[in-house]
Every structure is written in C-alpha cells, then in structure tokens.
C-alpha cells in the first residue's frame, strides 16, 4: 500500500529490514530491495492503469531514469562492493532526512 501510493523511502525501509531481519549485507539487501520494489510498483501499476490514473509521458520518463539509475548503481556496487553501497546509502538517507525536516519546518 505505502509503496504504490507514496513510494519515496520504500527501498530504504526494505534495505533496513533485509539487513535487520535476514542478516544481509548492504549489497545484497540493496539488490533484494530492488526486486521487491519492482513487484510492488507493478502491483500499483496493475491497480492504477485500469482506472486511468496514469500520466504516460511522466511514467515513461520516470521509468527510463529509474532504469538508468539502476544500471549505474549496479555497476558501482559491483565495482566498489558493500562498504561503498553502505556509505552512499547513509549519505542519501541523511540528505533526505534533512530535506524532509526542512520541508516540514520551513
């Protein structure tokens, strides 16, 4: 429900869950979260598409950028390993926390 309607942060929550409950390292948790995220996005698409609540141009642009980002992330993860993924992940989450705090209180 959360991912299909709101989306941002779902991958981060999944990474935390895979590390905490399944003992994955950051690299494997990140990869597993991508698979789950795609499944939940397809489920959301399956709900919204028949109801006509899709903006096709925006959807294609976002999907293309998502694929390019995933390819770049996969390349970097395989080249630099789990420690690198952990550092990037923590930096991105920190930036999002600061942004959300700014948006909330400013």
N, C-alpha and C. Protein backbone atom coordinates (compact mmCIF):
# COMPACT_ATOMS: atom_id res chain seq x y z
N UNK A 1 0.83 -1.20 0.00
CA UNK A 1 0.00 0.00 0.00
C UNK A 1 0.87 1.26 0.00
N UNK A 2 1.84 1.31 0.91
CA UNK A 2 2.68 2.51 1.02
C UNK A 2 3.42 2.78 -0.28
N UNK A 3 4.07 1.77 -0.81
CA UNK A 3 4.90 1.96 -2.00
C UNK A 3 4.07 2.37 -3.20
N UNK A 4 2.92 1.77 -3.38
CA UNK A 4 2.09 2.06 -4.53
C UNK A 4 1.53 3.47 -4.52
N UNK A 5 1.31 4.02 -3.34
CA UNK A 5 0.72 5.35 -3.25
C UNK A 5 1.74 6.45 -3.01
N UNK A 6 2.75 6.19 -2.20
CA UNK A 6 3.69 7.25 -1.82
C UNK A 6 5.09 7.03 -2.38
N UNK A 7 5.61 5.82 -2.25
CA UNK A 7 6.86 5.45 -2.90
C UNK A 7 8.15 5.84 -2.22
N UNK A 8 8.46 7.14 -2.07
CA UNK A 8 9.79 7.50 -1.57
C UNK A 8 10.10 6.88 -0.22
N UNK A 9 11.27 6.31 -0.15
CA UNK A 9 11.71 5.72 1.11
C UNK A 9 11.45 4.23 1.21
N UNK A 10 10.66 3.68 0.32
CA UNK A 10 10.34 2.26 0.41
C UNK A 10 11.60 1.41 0.28
N UNK A 11 12.45 1.74 -0.67
CA UNK A 11 13.70 1.00 -0.84
C UNK A 11 14.56 1.05 0.40
N UNK A 12 14.61 2.22 1.04
CA UNK A 12 15.39 2.36 2.28
C UNK A 12 14.82 1.49 3.39
N UNK A 13 13.49 1.50 3.53
CA UNK A 13 12.86 0.65 4.54
C UNK A 13 13.16 -0.82 4.27
N UNK A 14 13.08 -1.21 3.01
CA UNK A 14 13.35 -2.60 2.67
C UNK A 14 14.80 -2.97 2.97
N UNK A 15 15.72 -2.09 2.66
CA UNK A 15 17.14 -2.37 2.94
C UNK A 15 17.34 -2.57 4.44
N UNK A 16 16.77 -1.67 5.25
CA UNK A 16 16.88 -1.82 6.70
C UNK A 16 16.29 -3.15 7.16
N UNK A 17 15.14 -3.53 6.62
CA UNK A 17 14.50 -4.79 7.01
C UNK A 17 15.32 -6.00 6.60
N UNK A 18 15.87 -6.00 5.39
CA UNK A 18 16.67 -7.13 4.94
C UNK A 18 17.95 -7.28 5.77
N UNK A 19 18.52 -6.16 6.17
CA UNK A 19 19.74 -6.23 7.00
C UNK A 19 19.39 -6.72 8.39
N UNK A 20 18.35 -6.14 8.97
CA UNK A 20 17.99 -6.44 10.35
C UNK A 20 17.44 -7.85 10.53
N UNK A 21 16.51 -8.24 9.69
CA UNK A 21 15.80 -9.49 9.92
C UNK A 21 16.38 -10.69 9.15
N UNK A 22 17.09 -10.44 8.06
CA UNK A 22 17.64 -11.55 7.28
C UNK A 22 19.17 -11.59 7.30
N UNK A 23 19.80 -10.59 7.92
CA UNK A 23 21.25 -10.59 8.05
C UNK A 23 22.00 -10.32 6.75
N UNK A 24 21.34 -9.70 5.78
CA UNK A 24 22.00 -9.37 4.52
C UNK A 24 23.03 -8.27 4.73
N UNK A 25 24.07 -8.23 3.89
CA UNK A 25 24.94 -7.06 3.87
C UNK A 25 24.27 -6.01 2.97
N UNK A 26 24.85 -4.81 2.92
CA UNK A 26 24.20 -3.73 2.18
C UNK A 26 24.05 -4.05 0.70
N UNK A 27 25.03 -4.70 0.12
CA UNK A 27 24.97 -5.01 -1.30
C UNK A 27 23.81 -5.94 -1.61
N UNK A 28 23.70 -7.04 -0.85
CA UNK A 28 22.62 -8.00 -1.10
C UNK A 28 21.26 -7.44 -0.68
N UNK A 29 21.23 -6.65 0.39
CA UNK A 29 19.97 -6.03 0.81
C UNK A 29 19.47 -5.05 -0.24
N UNK A 30 20.39 -4.31 -0.83
CA UNK A 30 20.02 -3.36 -1.87
C UNK A 30 19.46 -4.09 -3.10
N UNK A 31 20.11 -5.17 -3.48
CA UNK A 31 19.64 -5.94 -4.64
C UNK A 31 18.27 -6.55 -4.37
N UNK A 32 18.09 -7.13 -3.19
CA UNK A 32 16.80 -7.75 -2.86
C UNK A 32 15.69 -6.70 -2.77
N UNK A 33 16.03 -5.52 -2.27
CA UNK A 33 15.01 -4.47 -2.16
C UNK A 33 14.55 -4.01 -3.53
N UNK A 34 15.45 -4.05 -4.51
CA UNK A 34 15.07 -3.67 -5.88
C UNK A 34 14.02 -4.63 -6.43
N UNK A 35 14.20 -5.92 -6.18
CA UNK A 35 13.25 -6.91 -6.68
C UNK A 35 11.88 -6.70 -6.04
N UNK A 36 11.85 -6.52 -4.73
CA UNK A 36 10.58 -6.30 -4.03
C UNK A 36 9.95 -4.99 -4.48
N UNK A 37 10.76 -3.96 -4.66
CA UNK A 37 10.25 -2.66 -5.09
C UNK A 37 9.62 -2.75 -6.48
N UNK A 38 10.23 -3.48 -7.39
CA UNK A 38 9.65 -3.65 -8.73
C UNK A 38 8.31 -4.37 -8.62
N UNK A 39 8.24 -5.39 -7.77
CA UNK A 39 6.98 -6.13 -7.62
C UNK A 39 5.87 -5.23 -7.08
N UNK A 40 6.17 -4.41 -6.09
CA UNK A 40 5.14 -3.53 -5.54
C UNK A 40 4.76 -2.43 -6.54
N UNK A 41 5.73 -1.99 -7.32
CA UNK A 41 5.41 -0.99 -8.35
C UNK A 41 4.53 -1.59 -9.44
N UNK A 42 4.78 -2.83 -9.82
CA UNK A 42 3.93 -3.49 -10.80
C UNK A 42 2.52 -3.69 -10.25
N UNK A 43 2.41 -4.01 -8.96
CA UNK A 43 1.09 -4.15 -8.34
C UNK A 43 0.35 -2.81 -8.36
N UNK A 44 1.06 -1.72 -8.07
CA UNK A 44 0.44 -0.40 -8.11
C UNK A 44 0.01 -0.06 -9.53
N UNK A 45 0.85 -0.38 -10.49
CA UNK A 45 0.51 -0.15 -11.89
C UNK A 45 -0.72 -0.95 -12.29
N UNK A 46 -0.78 -2.19 -11.82
CA UNK A 46 -1.94 -3.04 -12.09
C UNK A 46 -3.23 -2.47 -11.52
N UNK A 47 -3.12 -1.70 -10.45
CA UNK A 47 -4.31 -1.07 -9.86
C UNK A 47 -4.67 0.23 -10.58
N UNK A 48 -3.69 1.08 -10.80
CA UNK A 48 -3.97 2.42 -11.34
C UNK A 48 -4.24 2.44 -12.84
N UNK A 49 -3.59 1.57 -13.60
CA UNK A 49 -3.75 1.58 -15.05
C UNK A 49 -5.20 1.35 -15.50
N UNK A 50 -5.88 0.33 -15.00
CA UNK A 50 -7.27 0.14 -15.43
C UNK A 50 -8.20 1.29 -15.06
N UNK A 51 -7.83 2.04 -14.04
CA UNK A 51 -8.66 3.16 -13.61
C UNK A 51 -8.29 4.47 -14.32
N UNK A 52 -7.30 4.42 -15.20
CA UNK A 52 -6.92 5.60 -15.98
C UNK A 52 -6.18 6.66 -15.19
N UNK A 53 -5.55 6.28 -14.09
CA UNK A 53 -4.82 7.24 -13.27
C UNK A 53 -3.32 7.20 -13.54
N UNK A 54 -2.94 7.20 -14.81
CA UNK A 54 -1.54 7.16 -15.21
C UNK A 54 -1.26 8.34 -16.15
N UNK A 55 -0.15 9.00 -15.95
CA UNK A 55 0.32 10.03 -16.87
C UNK A 55 1.42 9.40 -17.72
N UNK A 56 1.09 8.95 -18.93
CA UNK A 56 2.02 8.13 -19.73
C UNK A 56 3.38 8.79 -19.97
N UNK A 57 3.42 10.07 -20.32
CA UNK A 57 4.70 10.71 -20.61
C UNK A 57 5.57 10.77 -19.36
N UNK A 58 4.98 11.12 -18.25
CA UNK A 58 5.73 11.17 -16.99
C UNK A 58 6.18 9.77 -16.60
N UNK A 59 5.30 8.78 -16.78
CA UNK A 59 5.64 7.41 -16.42
C UNK A 59 6.82 6.88 -17.23
N UNK A 60 6.83 7.14 -18.53
CA UNK A 60 7.92 6.67 -19.38
C UNK A 60 9.23 7.36 -19.00
N UNK A 61 9.16 8.67 -18.76
CA UNK A 61 10.36 9.41 -18.36
C UNK A 61 10.91 8.90 -17.03
N UNK A 62 10.03 8.71 -16.06
CA UNK A 62 10.47 8.22 -14.76
C UNK A 62 11.01 6.80 -14.84
N UNK A 63 10.35 5.94 -15.61
CA UNK A 63 10.82 4.56 -15.75
C UNK A 63 12.20 4.53 -16.42
N UNK A 64 12.39 5.36 -17.43
CA UNK A 64 13.70 5.41 -18.11
C UNK A 64 14.80 5.87 -17.15
N UNK A 65 14.52 6.90 -16.39
CA UNK A 65 15.52 7.38 -15.42
C UNK A 65 15.77 6.34 -14.34
N UNK A 66 14.74 5.62 -13.93
CA UNK A 66 14.89 4.57 -12.93
C UNK A 66 15.79 3.46 -13.44
N UNK A 67 15.60 3.05 -14.69
CA UNK A 67 16.44 2.00 -15.28
C UNK A 67 17.88 2.47 -15.38
N UNK A 68 18.10 3.69 -15.86
CA UNK A 68 19.47 4.22 -15.96
C UNK A 68 20.13 4.30 -14.59
N UNK A 69 19.40 4.77 -13.60
CA UNK A 69 19.94 4.85 -12.24
C UNK A 69 20.26 3.48 -11.68
N UNK A 70 19.41 2.51 -11.96
CA UNK A 70 19.67 1.14 -11.50
C UNK A 70 20.90 0.54 -12.15
N UNK A 71 21.06 0.79 -13.45
CA UNK A 71 22.25 0.28 -14.14
C UNK A 71 23.53 0.91 -13.59
N UNK A 72 23.48 2.23 -13.37
CA UNK A 72 24.64 2.92 -12.79
C UNK A 72 24.93 2.41 -11.38
N UNK A 73 23.86 2.27 -10.57
CA UNK A 73 24.03 1.78 -9.20
C UNK A 73 24.58 0.36 -9.16
N UNK A 74 24.09 -0.49 -10.04
CA UNK A 74 24.58 -1.87 -10.10
C UNK A 74 26.05 -1.90 -10.48
N UNK A 75 26.41 -1.11 -11.46
CA UNK A 75 27.81 -1.05 -11.89
C UNK A 75 28.71 -0.60 -10.74
N UNK A 76 28.30 0.47 -10.05
CA UNK A 76 29.10 0.97 -8.92
C UNK A 76 29.15 -0.04 -7.79
N UNK A 77 28.03 -0.72 -7.52
CA UNK A 77 28.00 -1.71 -6.44
C UNK A 77 28.93 -2.87 -6.73
N UNK A 78 28.92 -3.36 -7.95
CA UNK A 78 29.79 -4.48 -8.30
C UNK A 78 31.26 -4.08 -8.32
N UNK A 79 31.51 -2.85 -8.69
CA UNK A 79 32.90 -2.37 -8.76
C UNK A 79 33.47 -2.07 -7.36
N UNK A 80 32.66 -1.47 -6.48
CA UNK A 80 33.18 -0.98 -5.20
C UNK A 80 32.74 -1.78 -3.99
N UNK A 81 31.76 -2.64 -4.11
CA UNK A 81 31.38 -3.54 -3.02
C UNK A 81 30.41 -2.96 -2.00
N UNK A 82 30.18 -3.77 -0.98
CA UNK A 82 29.17 -3.49 0.03
C UNK A 82 29.48 -2.26 0.88
N UNK A 83 30.74 -2.06 1.21
CA UNK A 83 31.11 -0.89 2.02
C UNK A 83 30.78 0.41 1.32
N UNK A 84 31.00 0.46 0.04
CA UNK A 84 30.69 1.65 -0.75
C UNK A 84 29.18 1.89 -0.77
N UNK A 85 28.41 0.81 -0.98
CA UNK A 85 26.95 0.93 -1.00
C UNK A 85 26.45 1.46 0.34
N UNK A 86 27.02 0.97 1.41
CA UNK A 86 26.60 1.41 2.75
C UNK A 86 26.84 2.91 2.91
N UNK A 87 28.00 3.40 2.51
CA UNK A 87 28.32 4.82 2.65
C UNK A 87 27.39 5.69 1.80
N UNK A 88 27.18 5.28 0.55
CA UNK A 88 26.29 6.05 -0.33
C UNK A 88 24.88 6.04 0.22
N UNK A 89 24.42 4.89 0.66
CA UNK A 89 23.08 4.76 1.22
C UNK A 89 22.90 5.70 2.42
N UNK A 90 23.84 5.69 3.34
CA UNK A 90 23.74 6.54 4.53
C UNK A 90 23.78 8.03 4.16
N UNK A 91 24.58 8.39 3.17
CA UNK A 91 24.62 9.79 2.71
C UNK A 91 23.27 10.20 2.10
N UNK A 92 22.72 9.35 1.25
CA UNK A 92 21.44 9.66 0.61
C UNK A 92 20.32 9.76 1.64
N UNK A 93 20.27 8.82 2.57
CA UNK A 93 19.24 8.87 3.61
C UNK A 93 19.40 10.13 4.46
N UNK A 94 20.63 10.51 4.78
CA UNK A 94 20.86 11.73 5.55
C UNK A 94 20.37 12.97 4.81
N UNK A 95 20.64 13.03 3.52
CA UNK A 95 20.18 14.16 2.72
C UNK A 95 18.65 14.21 2.70
N UNK A 96 18.01 13.06 2.54
CA UNK A 96 16.54 13.02 2.54
C UNK A 96 15.97 13.45 3.89
N UNK A 97 16.58 13.03 4.98
CA UNK A 97 16.11 13.43 6.30
C UNK A 97 16.21 14.94 6.46
N UNK A 98 17.32 15.51 6.04
CA UNK A 98 17.50 16.96 6.13
C UNK A 98 16.47 17.68 5.24
N UNK A 99 16.27 17.16 4.02
CA UNK A 99 15.28 17.78 3.12
C UNK A 99 13.88 17.72 3.70
N UNK A 100 13.47 16.55 4.21
CA UNK A 100 12.13 16.41 4.77
C UNK A 100 11.96 17.29 6.00
N UNK A 101 13.00 17.39 6.83
CA UNK A 101 12.94 18.26 8.00
C UNK A 101 12.80 19.72 7.57
N UNK A 102 13.54 20.12 6.55
CA UNK A 102 13.45 21.48 6.04
C UNK A 102 12.06 21.76 5.50
N UNK A 103 11.54 20.81 4.70
CA UNK A 103 10.20 20.99 4.13
C UNK A 103 9.12 21.05 5.22
N UNK A 104 9.31 20.31 6.28
CA UNK A 104 8.33 20.26 7.36
C UNK A 104 8.35 21.52 8.21
N UNK A 105 9.55 22.01 8.53
CA UNK A 105 9.64 23.11 9.49
C UNK A 105 9.91 24.47 8.86
N UNK A 106 10.18 24.52 7.58
CA UNK A 106 10.49 25.82 6.95
C UNK A 106 9.26 26.41 6.29
